[in-house]
Amino acid sequence: MPDTRTIRVTVNGRAHERTVETRLTLVDFLRHELNLTGTHVGCEHGVCGACTVLLNGASARACLLFAVQCDGQAIETVESLASSGALNPLQEAFREHHALQCGFCTPGMLMTLTEFLRENPDPDENAVREALTGNLCRCTGYQGIVDAALAAARRMRAR
């Protein structure tokens, strides 16, 4: 019989209670228990950044955490960014600056940059590149992503 625990988490502002196996990763919990498939499973070693979510506002690798470790915590996934079907400024900038191609890394990039721009609303190019060092993209060459982050920061400051 598998070891289970009941957890309570807030995901994208919504409370959830589930009984889960203690070995269930957060990424699998999000994808299979809550049907939030925007968080991608890449390397399963915490290296690629595709599974990045915000845990209590800080970037976390959902493939390296067990769901039970998140009991009582607040989690934000890429699904939290758009509001009423409208893209947020960072998502808009990704679209405008062609910052995605295959899209596999995009959710992790968006979540990493969400945290980064909250903490650093007026970054320079080097700071953006440094913030993205934990996220791998095999398609874009990163320039569009950096341009999008800088454009989003300008747009968010102008509000």
Protein backbone atom coordinates (compact mmCIF):
# COMPACT_ATOMS: atom_id res chain seq x y z
CA MET A 1 0.00 0.00 0.00
CA PRO A 2 1.52 3.36 -0.99
CA ASP A 3 2.23 6.03 1.59
CA THR A 4 -0.24 8.92 1.16
CA ARG A 5 -0.89 12.31 2.72
CA THR A 6 -3.65 14.85 2.38
CA ILE A 7 -2.36 18.22 1.21
CA ARG A 8 -3.93 21.62 0.88
CA VAL A 9 -2.44 24.04 -1.63
CA THR A 10 -3.50 27.23 -3.30
CA VAL A 11 -2.80 27.10 -7.01
CA ASN A 12 -3.36 30.22 -9.08
CA GLY A 13 -5.51 31.65 -6.30
CA ARG A 14 -7.71 28.56 -5.96
CA ALA A 15 -7.66 26.25 -2.94
CA HIS A 16 -7.24 22.52 -3.56
CA GLU A 17 -7.23 19.55 -1.20
CA ARG A 18 -6.07 16.15 -2.41
CA THR A 19 -4.79 12.92 -0.96
CA VAL A 20 -1.60 12.09 -2.84
CA GLU A 21 1.19 9.56 -2.71
CA THR A 22 4.19 10.99 -0.90
CA ARG A 23 6.38 10.26 -3.94
CA LEU A 24 4.23 12.31 -6.36
CA THR A 25 6.20 15.23 -7.79
CA LEU A 26 4.71 18.69 -7.88
CA VAL A 27 4.86 18.75 -11.69
CA ASP A 28 2.87 15.51 -11.88
CA PHE A 29 0.42 16.81 -9.27
CA LEU A 30 -0.18 19.96 -11.30
CA ARG A 31 -0.48 18.13 -14.62
CA HIS A 32 -2.37 14.99 -13.59
CA GLU A 33 -4.33 15.94 -10.47
CA LEU A 34 -5.23 19.54 -11.38
CA ASN A 35 -5.07 19.28 -15.20
CA LEU A 36 -2.76 22.31 -15.38
CA THR A 37 -0.64 21.12 -18.29
CA GLY A 38 1.18 24.39 -18.94
CA THR A 39 3.97 23.34 -16.59
CA HIS A 40 6.16 21.15 -18.77
CA VAL A 41 8.25 18.12 -17.85
CA GLY A 42 11.67 18.33 -19.48
CA CYS A 43 14.80 16.90 -17.98
CA GLU A 44 13.33 15.78 -14.61
CA HIS A 45 16.63 16.83 -13.01
CA GLY A 46 15.98 20.55 -12.42
CA VAL A 47 18.38 21.59 -15.17
CA CYS A 48 16.20 22.76 -18.07
CA GLY A 49 13.73 25.03 -16.26
CA ALA A 50 10.67 23.89 -18.25
CA CYS A 51 8.87 22.98 -15.03
CA THR A 52 9.46 26.32 -13.29
CA VAL A 53 6.57 27.55 -11.15
CA LEU A 54 6.42 30.16 -8.42
CA LEU A 55 6.17 28.77 -4.91
CA ASN A 56 5.19 31.54 -2.52
CA GLY A 57 6.42 33.97 -5.19
CA ALA A 58 9.84 32.38 -5.71
CA SER A 59 10.95 30.27 -8.66
CA ALA A 60 10.92 26.55 -7.97
CA ARG A 61 11.52 23.48 -10.09
CA ALA A 62 8.31 21.45 -9.92
CA CYS A 63 10.14 18.29 -11.02
CA LEU A 64 12.37 18.41 -7.93
CA LEU A 65 9.65 18.97 -5.36
CA PHE A 66 7.21 16.47 -3.98
CA ALA A 67 3.63 17.68 -3.84
CA VAL A 68 3.55 16.96 -0.09
CA GLN A 69 6.38 19.47 0.40
CA CYS A 70 4.02 22.17 -0.87
CA ASP A 71 1.29 21.55 1.69
CA GLY A 72 -0.06 24.91 2.84
CA GLN A 73 1.82 26.81 0.14
CA ALA A 74 0.78 29.11 -2.72
CA ILE A 75 1.75 28.02 -6.22
CA GLU A 76 1.54 30.05 -9.42
CA THR A 77 1.69 28.34 -12.80
CA VAL A 78 1.79 29.78 -16.29
CA GLU A 79 -2.01 29.48 -16.40
CA SER A 80 -2.16 32.29 -13.81
CA LEU A 81 -0.61 34.90 -16.10
CA ALA A 82 -3.46 35.63 -18.52
CA SER A 83 -6.53 37.33 -17.10
CA SER A 84 -10.00 36.90 -18.60
CA GLY A 85 -8.42 35.57 -21.77
CA ALA A 86 -6.12 38.59 -22.17
CA LEU A 87 -2.39 38.03 -22.20
CA ASN A 88 -0.37 39.83 -19.56
CA PRO A 89 2.38 42.30 -20.62
CA LEU A 90 5.11 39.66 -20.55
CA GLN A 91 3.09 37.24 -22.65
CA GLU A 92 2.25 40.04 -25.09
CA ALA A 93 5.91 40.94 -25.38
CA PHE A 94 6.83 37.29 -26.04
CA ARG A 95 4.34 37.29 -28.89
CA GLU A 96 5.47 40.62 -30.31
CA HIS A 97 9.19 39.82 -30.13
CA HIS A 98 8.93 36.27 -31.45
CA ALA A 99 10.32 34.96 -28.18
CA LEU A 100 9.05 31.46 -28.71
CA GLN A 101 9.30 28.87 -31.40
CA CYS A 102 8.42 25.34 -30.35
CA GLY A 103 7.05 26.70 -27.04
CA PHE A 104 8.33 23.92 -24.83
CA CYS A 105 10.51 26.16 -22.66
CA THR A 106 8.10 29.10 -22.76
CA PRO A 107 6.10 28.41 -19.55
CA GLY A 108 9.28 28.10 -17.50
CA MET A 109 10.76 31.21 -19.12
CA LEU A 110 7.58 33.17 -18.40
CA MET A 111 7.48 32.12 -14.76
CA THR A 112 11.18 32.81 -14.23
CA LEU A 113 10.80 36.25 -15.79
CA THR A 114 7.61 36.95 -13.81
CA GLU A 115 9.54 36.59 -10.58
CA PHE A 116 12.53 38.47 -11.99
CA LEU A 117 10.49 41.47 -13.18
CA ARG A 118 8.63 41.68 -9.87
CA GLU A 119 12.00 42.03 -8.13
CA ASN A 120 13.78 44.02 -10.83
CA PRO A 121 11.34 46.28 -12.71
CA ASP A 122 14.08 48.14 -14.62
CA PRO A 123 16.59 45.51 -15.74
CA ASP A 124 19.31 45.81 -18.34
CA GLU A 125 20.09 43.15 -20.93
CA ASN A 126 22.82 41.54 -18.84
CA ALA A 127 20.52 41.19 -15.83
CA VAL A 128 17.86 39.52 -17.98
CA ARG A 129 20.41 37.11 -19.43
CA GLU A 130 21.64 36.27 -15.93
CA ALA A 131 18.06 35.66 -14.76
CA LEU A 132 17.57 33.18 -17.59
CA THR A 133 20.70 31.10 -16.95
CA GLY A 134 18.62 28.32 -15.40
CA ASN A 135 16.27 28.01 -18.37
CA LEU A 136 17.29 26.20 -21.53
CA CYS A 137 15.91 26.94 -24.98
CA ARG A 138 17.00 24.96 -27.99
CA CYS A 139 15.16 27.03 -30.62
CA THR A 140 15.29 30.80 -30.18
CA GLY A 141 18.88 31.76 -29.45
CA TYR A 142 17.49 33.81 -26.51
CA GLN A 143 17.65 37.28 -28.12
CA GLY A 144 13.90 37.44 -28.68
CA ILE A 145 13.31 36.35 -25.10
CA VAL A 146 15.66 39.02 -23.76
CA ASP A 147 14.03 41.66 -25.98
CA ALA A 148 10.59 40.57 -24.79
CA ALA A 149 11.60 40.79 -21.13
CA LEU A 150 12.98 44.31 -21.59
CA ALA A 151 9.88 45.40 -23.52
CA ALA A 152 7.59 43.93 -20.86
CA ALA A 153 9.53 45.74 -18.12
CA ARG A 154 9.13 49.06 -19.97
CA ARG A 155 5.40 48.41 -20.47
CA MET A 156 4.87 47.45 -16.83
CA ARG A 157 6.73 50.54 -15.57
CA ALA A 158 4.59 52.78 -17.79
CA ARG A 159 1.36 51.62 -16.15
